[in-house]
Amino acid sequence: MPNGKQRIEYAFNMELFIGDMHSKSGSVALHDIESLTGVDKSVLSRWQNNITLPSMENFMKICAALQLEPKNYFDKQVWELKK
C-alpha cells in the first residue's frame, strides 16, 4: 500500500499503434490508409519511421476511422514518490 504520493506517466506505444493501423485498414500501403483516414501518407510515413509522433487530432481521426480504442496505445507507469 503506497504511503506517499504517486506520479503517473503515460507513454505512447507507437509500434502497437502502427501495427493495428495496418491490421485494421487491411493494408500495409500508406495510400490506402490515407484514403480511409484522410491523413496524408507523408505524415503516416513519418510516424512509421519514428520521425514524428501523431498530433492528437490525427491520432483521434485514425482511431475513429479504423475503430481503434485510443486508450490501448498508452502504457501507464506509476512512480511512488518518497516523502
C-alpha atoms as a PDB file:
ATOM      1  CA  MET A   1       0.000   0.000   0.000  1.00  0.00           C
ATOM      2  CA  PRO A   2       1.583   3.278  -1.048  1.00  0.00           C
ATOM      3  CA  ASN A   3       2.126   5.731   1.777  1.00  0.00           C
ATOM      4  CA  GLY A   4       3.497   8.604  -0.316  1.00  0.00           C
ATOM      5  CA  LYS A   5       2.426  10.485  -3.382  1.00  0.00           C
ATOM      6  CA  GLN A   6       2.401   8.988  -6.850  1.00  0.00           C
ATOM      7  CA  ARG A   7       3.471  10.337 -10.191  1.00  0.00           C
ATOM      8  CA  ILE A   8       1.635   8.795 -13.111  1.00  0.00           C
ATOM      9  CA  GLU A   9       3.016   8.951 -16.633  1.00  0.00           C
ATOM     10  CA  TYR A  10       1.627   7.659 -19.890  1.00  0.00           C
ATOM     11  CA  ALA A  11       3.898   6.559 -22.718  1.00  0.00           C
ATOM     12  CA  PHE A  12       2.538   6.342 -26.244  1.00  0.00           C
ATOM     13  CA  ASN A  13       3.059   2.880 -27.776  1.00  0.00           C
ATOM     14  CA  MET A  14       3.777   3.836 -31.385  1.00  0.00           C
ATOM     15  CA  GLU A  15       4.763   0.339 -32.509  1.00  0.00           C
ATOM     16  CA  LEU A  16       1.425  -1.112 -31.414  1.00  0.00           C
ATOM     17  CA  PHE A  17      -0.494   1.794 -32.988  1.00  0.00           C
ATOM     18  CA  ILE A  18       1.252   1.397 -36.368  1.00  0.00           C
ATOM     19  CA  GLY A  19       0.683  -2.366 -36.340  1.00  0.00           C
ATOM     20  CA  ASP A  20      -3.004  -2.008 -35.532  1.00  0.00           C
ATOM     21  CA  MET A  21      -3.405   0.783 -38.071  1.00  0.00           C
ATOM     22  CA  HIS A  22      -2.186  -1.528 -40.830  1.00  0.00           C
ATOM     23  CA  SER A  23      -4.108  -4.516 -39.498  1.00  0.00           C
ATOM     24  CA  LYS A  24      -7.462  -2.722 -39.142  1.00  0.00           C
ATOM     25  CA  SER A  25      -7.166  -0.991 -42.517  1.00  0.00           C
ATOM     26  CA  GLY A  26      -6.484  -4.345 -44.176  1.00  0.00           C
ATOM     27  CA  SER A  27      -3.498  -2.842 -45.953  1.00  0.00           C
ATOM     28  CA  VAL A  28       0.156  -2.096 -45.494  1.00  0.00           C
ATOM     29  CA  ALA A  29       0.012   0.559 -48.220  1.00  0.00           C
ATOM     30  CA  LEU A  30       0.033   4.066 -46.813  1.00  0.00           C
ATOM     31  CA  HIS A  31      -2.086   5.432 -49.655  1.00  0.00           C
ATOM     32  CA  ASP A  32      -4.881   3.022 -48.642  1.00  0.00           C
ATOM     33  CA  ILE A  33      -4.707   4.234 -45.040  1.00  0.00           C
ATOM     34  CA  GLU A  34      -4.649   7.823 -46.326  1.00  0.00           C
ATOM     35  CA  SER A  35      -7.873   7.157 -48.266  1.00  0.00           C
ATOM     36  CA  LEU A  36      -9.582   5.643 -45.224  1.00  0.00           C
ATOM     37  CA  THR A  37      -8.497   8.238 -42.688  1.00  0.00           C
ATOM     38  CA  GLY A  38      -7.843  11.475 -44.540  1.00  0.00           C
ATOM     39  CA  VAL A  39      -4.335  11.704 -43.036  1.00  0.00           C
ATOM     40  CA  ASP A  40      -1.678  12.432 -45.665  1.00  0.00           C
ATOM     41  CA  LYS A  41       0.553   9.461 -46.465  1.00  0.00           C
ATOM     42  CA  SER A  42       3.700  11.568 -45.965  1.00  0.00           C
ATOM     43  CA  VAL A  43       2.560  12.170 -42.370  1.00  0.00           C
ATOM     44  CA  LEU A  44       1.837   8.465 -41.919  1.00  0.00           C
ATOM     45  CA  SER A  45       5.294   7.651 -43.261  1.00  0.00           C
ATOM     46  CA  ARG A  46       6.968   9.953 -40.732  1.00  0.00           C
ATOM     47  CA  TRP A  47       5.119   8.166 -37.922  1.00  0.00           C
ATOM     48  CA  GLN A  48       6.007   4.746 -39.279  1.00  0.00           C
ATOM     49  CA  ASN A  49       9.681   5.706 -39.452  1.00  0.00           C
ATOM     50  CA  ASN A  50       9.657   7.159 -35.913  1.00  0.00           C
ATOM     51  CA  ILE A  51      10.446  10.658 -37.154  1.00  0.00           C
ATOM     52  CA  THR A  52       7.433  12.288 -35.527  1.00  0.00           C
ATOM     53  CA  LEU A  53       4.511  11.365 -33.307  1.00  0.00           C
ATOM     54  CA  PRO A  54       0.919  11.910 -34.397  1.00  0.00           C
ATOM     55  CA  SER A  55      -0.892  15.019 -33.295  1.00  0.00           C
ATOM     56  CA  MET A  56      -3.809  14.267 -31.006  1.00  0.00           C
ATOM     57  CA  GLU A  57      -6.174  15.378 -33.789  1.00  0.00           C
ATOM     58  CA  ASN A  58      -4.724  12.924 -36.328  1.00  0.00           C
ATOM     59  CA  PHE A  59      -4.426  10.171 -33.752  1.00  0.00           C
ATOM     60  CA  MET A  60      -8.120  10.501 -32.882  1.00  0.00           C
ATOM     61  CA  LYS A  61      -9.072  10.761 -36.573  1.00  0.00           C
ATOM     62  CA  ILE A  62      -7.358   7.444 -37.331  1.00  0.00           C
ATOM     63  CA  CYS A  63      -8.802   5.760 -34.249  1.00  0.00           C
ATOM     64  CA  ALA A  64     -12.306   6.834 -35.290  1.00  0.00           C
ATOM     65  CA  ALA A  65     -11.882   5.840 -38.948  1.00  0.00           C
ATOM     66  CA  LEU A  66     -10.410   2.417 -38.144  1.00  0.00           C
ATOM     67  CA  GLN A  67     -12.461   1.802 -34.984  1.00  0.00           C
ATOM     68  CA  LEU A  68      -9.399   1.638 -32.730  1.00  0.00           C
ATOM     69  CA  GLU A  69      -9.663   2.266 -28.988  1.00  0.00           C
ATOM     70  CA  PRO A  70      -7.352   5.220 -28.150  1.00  0.00           C
ATOM     71  CA  LYS A  71      -6.633   4.083 -24.578  1.00  0.00           C
ATOM     72  CA  ASN A  72      -4.990   0.892 -25.876  1.00  0.00           C
ATOM     73  CA  TYR A  73      -1.958   2.849 -27.081  1.00  0.00           C
ATOM     74  CA  PHE A  74      -0.864   4.386 -23.808  1.00  0.00           C
ATOM     75  CA  ASP A  75       1.208   2.467 -21.291  1.00  0.00           C
ATOM     76  CA  LYS A  76       0.607   3.629 -17.730  1.00  0.00           C
ATOM     77  CA  GLN A  77       3.586   3.941 -15.426  1.00  0.00           C
ATOM     78  CA  VAL A  78       3.104   4.714 -11.743  1.00  0.00           C
ATOM     79  CA  TRP A  79       6.004   6.006  -9.676  1.00  0.00           C
ATOM     80  CA  GLU A  80       5.928   6.067  -5.892  1.00  0.00           C
ATOM     81  CA  LEU A  81       7.434   9.311  -4.639  1.00  0.00           C
ATOM     82  CA  LYS A  82       9.333   9.399  -1.374  1.00  0.00           C
ATOM     83  CA  LYS A  83       8.260  11.899   1.232  1.00  0.00           C
END
